[in-house]
Amino acid sequence: MANHAATKKDSRQAQKRREKNRYYAKTTRNAIRDLKAEPAKDVAVKDLSNVISMIDKLAKTGVVHKNKAANLKSKLAKQVNKKA
């Protein structure tokens, strides 16, 4: 464990950030899963913009790499466009 006050504080802050990042990443993964499972195209198109926004926020804060975010968005758009 850290001995300096500033290091203890940094450790607490890192733990808070990690928990928050894990929450948002898991929420986004669940939204992606639900979007893929959606059979209706019109509903999927509506949900796609929300999911893309969530992915962009993860990339902006550095939770996922910007290239991974771009790949995810591209693949999701292709899958939604294929739906009948």
PDB file of N, CA and C in Angstrom:
ATOM      1  N   MET A   1       0.847  -1.196   0.000  1.00  0.00           N
ATOM      2  CA  MET A   1       0.000   0.000   0.000  1.00  0.00           C
ATOM      3  C   MET A   1       0.878   1.239   0.000  1.00  0.00           C
ATOM      4  N   ALA A   2       0.348   2.317  -0.532  1.00  0.00           N
ATOM      5  CA  ALA A   2       1.085   3.570  -0.631  1.00  0.00           C
ATOM      6  C   ALA A   2       1.298   4.193   0.741  1.00  0.00           C
ATOM      7  N   ASN A   3       2.395   4.923   0.871  1.00  0.00           N
ATOM      8  CA  ASN A   3       2.713   5.550   2.152  1.00  0.00           C
ATOM      9  C   ASN A   3       2.490   7.053   2.154  1.00  0.00           C
ATOM     10  N   HIS A   4       2.537   7.671   0.997  1.00  0.00           N
ATOM     11  CA  HIS A   4       2.343   9.113   0.936  1.00  0.00           C
ATOM     12  C   HIS A   4       0.867   9.433   0.715  1.00  0.00           C
ATOM     13  N   ALA A   5       0.458  10.579   1.250  1.00  0.00           N
ATOM     14  CA  ALA A   5      -0.947  10.968   1.156  1.00  0.00           C
ATOM     15  C   ALA A   5      -1.379  11.135  -0.301  1.00  0.00           C
ATOM     16  N   ALA A   6      -0.519  11.745  -1.107  1.00  0.00           N
ATOM     17  CA  ALA A   6      -0.865  11.975  -2.505  1.00  0.00           C
ATOM     18  C   ALA A   6      -0.983  10.651  -3.264  1.00  0.00           C
ATOM     19  N   THR A   7      -0.134   9.702  -2.913  1.00  0.00           N
ATOM     20  CA  THR A   7      -0.187   8.407  -3.579  1.00  0.00           C
ATOM     21  C   THR A   7      -1.427   7.636  -3.162  1.00  0.00           C
ATOM     22  N   LYS A   8      -1.821   7.771  -1.914  1.00  0.00           N
ATOM     23  CA  LYS A   8      -3.054   7.128  -1.443  1.00  0.00           C
ATOM     24  C   LYS A   8      -4.256   7.703  -2.173  1.00  0.00           C
ATOM     25  N   LYS A   9      -4.259   9.013  -2.327  1.00  0.00           N
ATOM     26  CA  LYS A   9      -5.360   9.672  -3.030  1.00  0.00           C
ATOM     27  C   LYS A   9      -5.397   9.220  -4.487  1.00  0.00           C
ATOM     28  N   ASP A  10      -4.234   9.154  -5.127  1.00  0.00           N
ATOM     29  CA  ASP A  10      -4.171   8.709  -6.514  1.00  0.00           C
ATOM     30  C   ASP A  10      -4.692   7.286  -6.651  1.00  0.00           C
ATOM     31  N   SER A  11      -4.385   6.459  -5.680  1.00  0.00           N
ATOM     32  CA  SER A  11      -4.865   5.077  -5.698  1.00  0.00           C
ATOM     33  C   SER A  11      -6.392   5.033  -5.598  1.00  0.00           C
ATOM     34  N   ARG A  12      -6.956   5.856  -4.729  1.00  0.00           N
ATOM     35  CA  ARG A  12      -8.420   5.914  -4.592  1.00  0.00           C
ATOM     36  C   ARG A  12      -9.070   6.413  -5.877  1.00  0.00           C
ATOM     37  N   GLN A  13      -8.473   7.441  -6.468  1.00  0.00           N
ATOM     38  CA  GLN A  13      -9.028   7.992  -7.701  1.00  0.00           C
ATOM     39  C   GLN A  13      -8.952   6.982  -8.841  1.00  0.00           C
ATOM     40  N   ALA A  14      -7.847   6.245  -8.909  1.00  0.00           N
ATOM     41  CA  ALA A  14      -7.696   5.243  -9.968  1.00  0.00           C
ATOM     42  C   ALA A  14      -8.745   4.146  -9.813  1.00  0.00           C
ATOM     43  N   GLN A  15      -9.037   3.780  -8.592  1.00  0.00           N
ATOM     44  CA  GLN A  15     -10.055   2.748  -8.349  1.00  0.00           C
ATOM     45  C   GLN A  15     -11.436   3.234  -8.785  1.00  0.00           C
ATOM     46  N   LYS A  16     -11.745   4.481  -8.481  1.00  0.00           N
ATOM     47  CA  LYS A  16     -13.032   5.052  -8.897  1.00  0.00           C
ATOM     48  C   LYS A  16     -13.142   5.094 -10.417  1.00  0.00           C
ATOM     49  N   ARG A  17     -12.071   5.542 -11.072  1.00  0.00           N
ATOM     50  CA  ARG A  17     -12.080   5.623 -12.539  1.00  0.00           C
ATOM     51  C   ARG A  17     -12.240   4.242 -13.147  1.00  0.00           C
ATOM     52  N   ARG A  18     -11.550   3.258 -12.581  1.00  0.00           N
ATOM     53  CA  ARG A  18     -11.619   1.901 -13.109  1.00  0.00           C
ATOM     54  C   ARG A  18     -13.039   1.353 -13.010  1.00  0.00           C
ATOM     55  N   GLU A  19     -13.678   1.565 -11.866  1.00  0.00           N
ATOM     56  CA  GLU A  19     -15.050   1.076 -11.692  1.00  0.00           C
ATOM     57  C   GLU A  19     -16.004   1.756 -12.657  1.00  0.00           C
ATOM     58  N   LYS A  20     -15.846   3.058 -12.824  1.00  0.00           N
ATOM     59  CA  LYS A  20     -16.710   3.796 -13.742  1.00  0.00           C
ATOM     60  C   LYS A  20     -16.487   3.345 -15.180  1.00  0.00           C
ATOM     61  N   ASN A  21     -15.225   3.172 -15.570  1.00  0.00           N
ATOM     62  CA  ASN A  21     -14.918   2.724 -16.932  1.00  0.00           C
ATOM     63  C   ASN A  21     -15.454   1.322 -17.180  1.00  0.00           C
ATOM     64  N   ARG A  22     -15.337   0.441 -16.193  1.00  0.00           N
ATOM     65  CA  ARG A  22     -15.861  -0.919 -16.350  1.00  0.00           C
ATOM     66  C   ARG A  22     -17.375  -0.889 -16.513  1.00  0.00           C
ATOM     67  N   TYR A  23     -18.044  -0.024 -15.752  1.00  0.00           N
ATOM     68  CA  TYR A  23     -19.505   0.083 -15.838  1.00  0.00           C
ATOM     69  C   TYR A  23     -19.927   0.529 -17.239  1.00  0.00           C
ATOM     70  N   TYR A  24     -19.316   1.607 -17.740  1.00  0.00           N
ATOM     71  CA  TYR A  24     -19.709   2.125 -19.048  1.00  0.00           C
ATOM     72  C   TYR A  24     -19.347   1.153 -20.170  1.00  0.00           C
ATOM     73  N   ALA A  25     -18.198   0.475 -20.040  1.00  0.00           N
ATOM     74  CA  ALA A  25     -17.808  -0.492 -21.063  1.00  0.00           C
ATOM     75  C   ALA A  25     -18.775  -1.671 -21.085  1.00  0.00           C
ATOM     76  N   LYS A  26     -19.171  -2.156 -19.924  1.00  0.00           N
ATOM     77  CA  LYS A  26     -20.094  -3.290 -19.854  1.00  0.00           C
ATOM     78  C   LYS A  26     -21.474  -2.884 -20.369  1.00  0.00           C
ATOM     79  N   THR A  27     -21.921  -1.684 -20.021  1.00  0.00           N
ATOM     80  CA  THR A  27     -23.207  -1.194 -20.493  1.00  0.00           C
ATOM     81  C   THR A  27     -23.214  -1.090 -22.015  1.00  0.00           C
ATOM     82  N   THR A  28     -22.123  -0.621 -22.575  1.00  0.00           N
ATOM     83  CA  THR A  28     -22.022  -0.508 -24.027  1.00  0.00           C
ATOM     84  C   THR A  28     -22.014  -1.886 -24.677  1.00  0.00           C
ATOM     85  N   ARG A  29     -21.283  -2.840 -24.101  1.00  0.00           N
ATOM     86  CA  ARG A  29     -21.258  -4.198 -24.651  1.00  0.00           C
ATOM     87  C   ARG A  29     -22.656  -4.812 -24.629  1.00  0.00           C
ATOM     88  N   ASN A  30     -23.397  -4.573 -23.555  1.00  0.00           N
ATOM     89  CA  ASN A  30     -24.769  -5.084 -23.480  1.00  0.00           C
ATOM     90  C   ASN A  30     -25.650  -4.436 -24.543  1.00  0.00           C
ATOM     91  N   ALA A  31     -25.471  -3.134 -24.779  1.00  0.00           N
ATOM     92  CA  ALA A  31     -26.258  -2.443 -25.799  1.00  0.00           C
ATOM     93  C   ALA A  31     -25.925  -2.984 -27.189  1.00  0.00           C
ATOM     94  N   ILE A  32     -24.651  -3.286 -27.427  1.00  0.00           N
ATOM     95  CA  ILE A  32     -24.240  -3.858 -28.711  1.00  0.00           C
ATOM     96  C   ILE A  32     -24.876  -5.230 -28.889  1.00  0.00           C
ATOM     97  N   ARG A  33     -24.847  -6.037 -27.833  1.00  0.00           N
ATOM     98  CA  ARG A  33     -25.448  -7.381 -27.885  1.00  0.00           C
ATOM     99  C   ARG A  33     -26.942  -7.281 -28.201  1.00  0.00           C
ATOM    100  N   ASP A  34     -27.638  -6.365 -27.536  1.00  0.00           N
ATOM    101  CA  ASP A  34     -29.071  -6.200 -27.766  1.00  0.00           C
ATOM    102  C   ASP A  34     -29.354  -5.712 -29.186  1.00  0.00           C
ATOM    103  N   LEU A  35     -28.493  -4.835 -29.689  1.00  0.00           N
ATOM    104  CA  LEU A  35     -28.674  -4.326 -31.047  1.00  0.00           C
ATOM    105  C   LEU A  35     -28.506  -5.447 -32.072  1.00  0.00           C
ATOM    106  N   LYS A  36     -27.511  -6.301 -31.863  1.00  0.00           N
ATOM    107  CA  LYS A  36     -27.302  -7.420 -32.781  1.00  0.00           C
ATOM    108  C   LYS A  36     -28.472  -8.395 -32.762  1.00  0.00           C
ATOM    109  N   ALA A  37     -29.094  -8.561 -31.601  1.00  0.00           N
ATOM    110  CA  ALA A  37     -30.182  -9.525 -31.461  1.00  0.00           C
ATOM    111  C   ALA A  37     -31.520  -8.975 -31.939  1.00  0.00           C
ATOM    112  N   GLU A  38     -31.612  -7.680 -32.168  1.00  0.00           N
ATOM    113  CA  GLU A  38     -32.875  -7.054 -32.580  1.00  0.00           C
ATOM    114  C   GLU A  38     -33.253  -7.512 -33.991  1.00  0.00           C
ATOM    115  N   PRO A  39     -34.426  -8.140 -34.159  1.00  0.00           N
ATOM    116  CA  PRO A  39     -34.804  -8.643 -35.491  1.00  0.00           C
ATOM    117  C   PRO A  39     -35.352  -7.555 -36.421  1.00  0.00           C
ATOM    118  N   ALA A  40     -35.997  -6.534 -35.877  1.00  0.00           N
ATOM    119  CA  ALA A  40     -36.636  -5.518 -36.709  1.00  0.00           C
ATOM    120  C   ALA A  40     -35.629  -4.436 -37.103  1.00  0.00           C
ATOM    121  N   LYS A  41     -35.607  -4.136 -38.393  1.00  0.00           N
ATOM    122  CA  LYS A  41     -34.635  -3.162 -38.887  1.00  0.00           C
ATOM    123  C   LYS A  41     -34.948  -1.752 -38.407  1.00  0.00           C
ATOM    124  N   ASP A  42     -36.221  -1.363 -38.383  1.00  0.00           N
ATOM    125  CA  ASP A  42     -36.556   0.009 -38.001  1.00  0.00           C
ATOM    126  C   ASP A  42     -36.172   0.309 -36.557  1.00  0.00           C
ATOM    127  N   VAL A  43     -36.356  -0.647 -35.678  1.00  0.00           N
ATOM    128  CA  VAL A  43     -35.961  -0.468 -34.274  1.00  0.00           C
ATOM    129  C   VAL A  43     -34.441  -0.450 -34.156  1.00  0.00           C
ATOM    130  N   ALA A  44     -33.786  -1.314 -34.930  1.00  0.00           N
ATOM    131  CA  ALA A  44     -32.328  -1.383 -34.890  1.00  0.00           C
ATOM    132  C   ALA A  44     -31.694  -0.084 -35.382  1.00  0.00           C
ATOM    133  N   VAL A  45     -32.296   0.531 -36.390  1.00  0.00           N
ATOM    134  CA  VAL A  45     -31.759   1.793 -36.907  1.00  0.00           C
ATOM    135  C   VAL A  45     -31.846   2.883 -35.847  1.00  0.00           C
ATOM    136  N   LYS A  46     -32.952   2.900 -35.093  1.00  0.00           N
ATOM    137  CA  LYS A  46     -33.087   3.886 -34.012  1.00  0.00           C
ATOM    138  C   LYS A  46     -32.053   3.658 -32.919  1.00  0.00           C
ATOM    139  N   ASP A  47     -31.876   2.393 -32.559  1.00  0.00           N
ATOM    140  CA  ASP A  47     -30.939   2.067 -31.484  1.00  0.00           C
ATOM    141  C   ASP A  47     -29.488   2.253 -31.907  1.00  0.00           C
ATOM    142  N   LEU A  48     -29.226   2.169 -33.203  1.00  0.00           N
ATOM    143  CA  LEU A  48     -27.856   2.275 -33.688  1.00  0.00           C
ATOM    144  C   LEU A  48     -27.232   3.615 -33.312  1.00  0.00           C
ATOM    145  N   SER A  49     -27.980   4.693 -33.431  1.00  0.00           N
ATOM    146  CA  SER A  49     -27.411   6.000 -33.106  1.00  0.00           C
ATOM    147  C   SER A  49     -27.046   6.103 -31.630  1.00  0.00           C
ATOM    148  N   ASN A  50     -27.864   5.502 -30.762  1.00  0.00           N
ATOM    149  CA  ASN A  50     -27.539   5.517 -29.335  1.00  0.00           C
ATOM    150  C   ASN A  50     -26.285   4.700 -29.041  1.00  0.00           C
ATOM    151  N   VAL A  51     -26.171   3.554 -29.668  1.00  0.00           N
ATOM    152  CA  VAL A  51     -25.018   2.688 -29.441  1.00  0.00           C
ATOM    153  C   VAL A  51     -23.752   3.350 -29.989  1.00  0.00           C
ATOM    154  N   ILE A  52     -23.851   3.977 -31.141  1.00  0.00           N
ATOM    155  CA  ILE A  52     -22.692   4.672 -31.710  1.00  0.00           C
ATOM    156  C   ILE A  52     -22.246   5.797 -30.786  1.00  0.00           C
ATOM    157  N   SER A  53     -23.197   6.492 -30.202  1.00  0.00           N
ATOM    158  CA  SER A  53     -22.861   7.547 -29.254  1.00  0.00           C
ATOM    159  C   SER A  53     -22.127   6.984 -28.039  1.00  0.00           C
ATOM    160  N   MET A  54     -22.585   5.843 -27.551  1.00  0.00           N
ATOM    161  CA  MET A  54     -21.925   5.208 -26.407  1.00  0.00           C
ATOM    162  C   MET A  54     -20.496   4.796 -26.756  1.00  0.00           C
ATOM    163  N   ILE A  55     -20.316   4.251 -27.951  1.00  0.00           N
ATOM    164  CA  ILE A  55     -18.981   3.823 -28.382  1.00  0.00           C
ATOM    165  C   ILE A  55     -18.058   5.034 -28.519  1.00  0.00           C
ATOM    166  N   ASP A  56     -18.588   6.132 -29.077  1.00  0.00           N
ATOM    167  CA  ASP A  56     -17.782   7.353 -29.225  1.00  0.00           C
ATOM    168  C   ASP A  56     -17.330   7.890 -27.868  1.00  0.00           C
ATOM    169  N   LYS A  57     -18.209   7.823 -26.877  1.00  0.00           N
ATOM    170  CA  LYS A  57     -17.844   8.295 -25.539  1.00  0.00           C
ATOM    171  C   LYS A  57     -16.730   7.438 -24.940  1.00  0.00           C
ATOM    172  N   LEU A  58     -16.790   6.132 -25.175  1.00  0.00           N
ATOM    173  CA  LEU A  58     -15.729   5.258 -24.676  1.00  0.00           C
ATOM    174  C   LEU A  58     -14.402   5.586 -25.347  1.00  0.00           C
ATOM    175  N   ALA A  59     -14.432   5.859 -26.639  1.00  0.00           N
ATOM    176  CA  ALA A  59     -13.203   6.183 -27.356  1.00  0.00           C
ATOM    177  C   ALA A  59     -12.670   7.542 -26.918  1.00  0.00           C
ATOM    178  N   LYS A  60     -13.571   8.477 -26.685  1.00  0.00           N
ATOM    179  CA  LYS A  60     -13.163   9.822 -26.280  1.00  0.00           C
ATOM    180  C   LYS A  60     -12.446   9.814 -24.941  1.00  0.00           C
ATOM    181  N   THR A  61     -12.917   8.988 -24.021  1.00  0.00           N
ATOM    182  CA  THR A  61     -12.308   8.929 -22.689  1.00  0.00           C
ATOM    183  C   THR A  61     -11.144   7.948 -22.620  1.00  0.00           C
ATOM    184  N   GLY A  62     -10.879   7.218 -23.712  1.00  0.00           N
ATOM    185  CA  GLY A  62      -9.734   6.330 -23.740  1.00  0.00           C
ATOM    186  C   GLY A  62      -9.992   4.941 -23.200  1.00  0.00           C
ATOM    187  N   VAL A  63     -11.252   4.584 -22.991  1.00  0.00           N
ATOM    188  CA  VAL A  63     -11.571   3.247 -22.506  1.00  0.00           C
ATOM    189  C   VAL A  63     -11.308   2.226 -23.607  1.00  0.00           C
ATOM    190  N   VAL A  64     -11.664   2.578 -24.843  1.00  0.00           N
ATOM    191  CA  VAL A  64     -11.319   1.757 -26.004  1.00  0.00           C
ATOM    192  C   VAL A  64     -10.540   2.634 -26.978  1.00  0.00           C
ATOM    193  N   HIS A  65      -9.729   2.008 -27.804  1.00  0.00           N
ATOM    194  CA  HIS A  65      -8.941   2.744 -28.788  1.00  0.00           C
ATOM    195  C   HIS A  65      -9.859   3.282 -29.886  1.00  0.00           C
ATOM    196  N   LYS A  66      -9.475   4.407 -30.458  1.00  0.00           N
ATOM    197  CA  LYS A  66     -10.323   5.034 -31.478  1.00  0.00           C
ATOM    198  C   LYS A  66     -10.512   4.145 -32.698  1.00  0.00           C
ATOM    199  N   ASN A  67      -9.489   3.352 -33.045  1.00  0.00           N
ATOM    200  CA  ASN A  67      -9.627   2.459 -34.199  1.00  0.00           C
ATOM    201  C   ASN A  67     -10.589   1.316 -33.894  1.00  0.00           C
ATOM    202  N   LYS A  68     -10.544   0.810 -32.673  1.00  0.00           N
ATOM    203  CA  LYS A  68     -11.480  -0.244 -32.283  1.00  0.00           C
ATOM    204  C   LYS A  68     -12.903   0.296 -32.319  1.00  0.00           C
ATOM    205  N   ALA A  69     -13.090   1.538 -31.856  1.00  0.00           N
ATOM    206  CA  ALA A  69     -14.411   2.154 -31.882  1.00  0.00           C
ATOM    207  C   ALA A  69     -14.904   2.295 -33.323  1.00  0.00           C
ATOM    208  N   ALA A  70     -14.027   2.709 -34.214  1.00  0.00           N
ATOM    209  CA  ALA A  70     -14.406   2.858 -35.616  1.00  0.00           C
ATOM    210  C   ALA A  70     -14.789   1.509 -36.220  1.00  0.00           C
ATOM    211  N   ASN A  71     -14.017   0.469 -35.889  1.00  0.00           N
ATOM    212  CA  ASN A  71     -14.330  -0.865 -36.401  1.00  0.00           C
ATOM    213  C   ASN A  71     -15.671  -1.361 -35.876  1.00  0.00           C
ATOM    214  N   LEU A  72     -15.930  -1.143 -34.596  1.00  0.00           N
ATOM    215  CA  LEU A  72     -17.203  -1.560 -34.009  1.00  0.00           C
ATOM    216  C   LEU A  72     -18.375  -0.868 -34.699  1.00  0.00           C
ATOM    217  N   LYS A  73     -18.252   0.439 -34.884  1.00  0.00           N
ATOM    218  CA  LYS A  73     -19.337   1.199 -35.505  1.00  0.00           C
ATOM    219  C   LYS A  73     -19.583   0.740 -36.934  1.00  0.00           C
ATOM    220  N   SER A  74     -18.503   0.479 -37.657  1.00  0.00           N
ATOM    221  CA  SER A  74     -18.631   0.036 -39.037  1.00  0.00           C
ATOM    222  C   SER A  74     -19.323  -1.322 -39.114  1.00  0.00           C
ATOM    223  N   LYS A  75     -18.898  -2.254 -38.283  1.00  0.00           N
ATOM    224  CA  LYS A  75     -19.494  -3.586 -38.292  1.00  0.00           C
ATOM    225  C   LYS A  75     -20.960  -3.546 -37.891  1.00  0.00           C
ATOM    226  N   LEU A  76     -21.281  -2.722 -36.892  1.00  0.00           N
ATOM    227  CA  LEU A  76     -22.674  -2.622 -36.463  1.00  0.00           C
ATOM    228  C   LEU A  76     -23.542  -2.033 -37.568  1.00  0.00           C
ATOM    229  N   ALA A  77     -23.039  -1.015 -38.250  1.00  0.00           N
ATOM    230  CA  ALA A  77     -23.813  -0.399 -39.329  1.00  0.00           C
ATOM    231  C   ALA A  77     -24.070  -1.411 -40.441  1.00  0.00           C
ATOM    232  N   LYS A  78     -23.067  -2.221 -40.767  1.00  0.00           N
ATOM    233  CA  LYS A  78     -23.247  -3.248 -41.791  1.00  0.00           C
ATOM    234  C   LYS A  78     -24.302  -4.259 -41.370  1.00  0.00           C
ATOM    235  N   GLN A  79     -24.242  -4.684 -40.108  1.00  0.00           N
ATOM    236  CA  GLN A  79     -25.199  -5.678 -39.630  1.00  0.00           C
ATOM    237  C   GLN A  79     -26.620  -5.135 -39.621  1.00  0.00           C
ATOM    238  N   VAL A  80     -26.769  -3.870 -39.229  1.00  0.00           N
ATOM    239  CA  VAL A  80     -28.103  -3.269 -39.197  1.00  0.00           C
ATOM    240  C   VAL A  80     -28.636  -3.112 -40.619  1.00  0.00           C
ATOM    241  N   ASN A  81     -27.788  -2.748 -41.560  1.00  0.00           N
ATOM    242  CA  ASN A  81     -28.230  -2.575 -42.936  1.00  0.00           C
ATOM    243  C   ASN A  81     -28.619  -3.888 -43.606  1.00  0.00           C
ATOM    244  N   LYS A  82     -28.061  -5.006 -43.135  1.00  0.00           N
ATOM    245  CA  LYS A  82     -28.390  -6.313 -43.701  1.00  0.00           C
ATOM    246  C   LYS A  82     -29.757  -6.811 -43.249  1.00  0.00           C
ATOM    247  N   LYS A  83     -30.253  -6.302 -42.132  1.00  0.00           N
ATOM    248  CA  LYS A  83     -31.520  -6.801 -41.591  1.00  0.00           C
ATOM    249  C   LYS A  83     -32.671  -6.525 -42.549  1.00  0.00           C
ATOM    250  N   ALA A  84     -33.619  -7.429 -42.557  1.00  0.00           N
ATOM    251  CA  ALA A  84     -34.756  -7.285 -43.479  1.00  0.00           C
ATOM    252  C   ALA A  84     -35.925  -6.607 -42.792  1.00  0.00           C
TER     253      ALA A  84
END
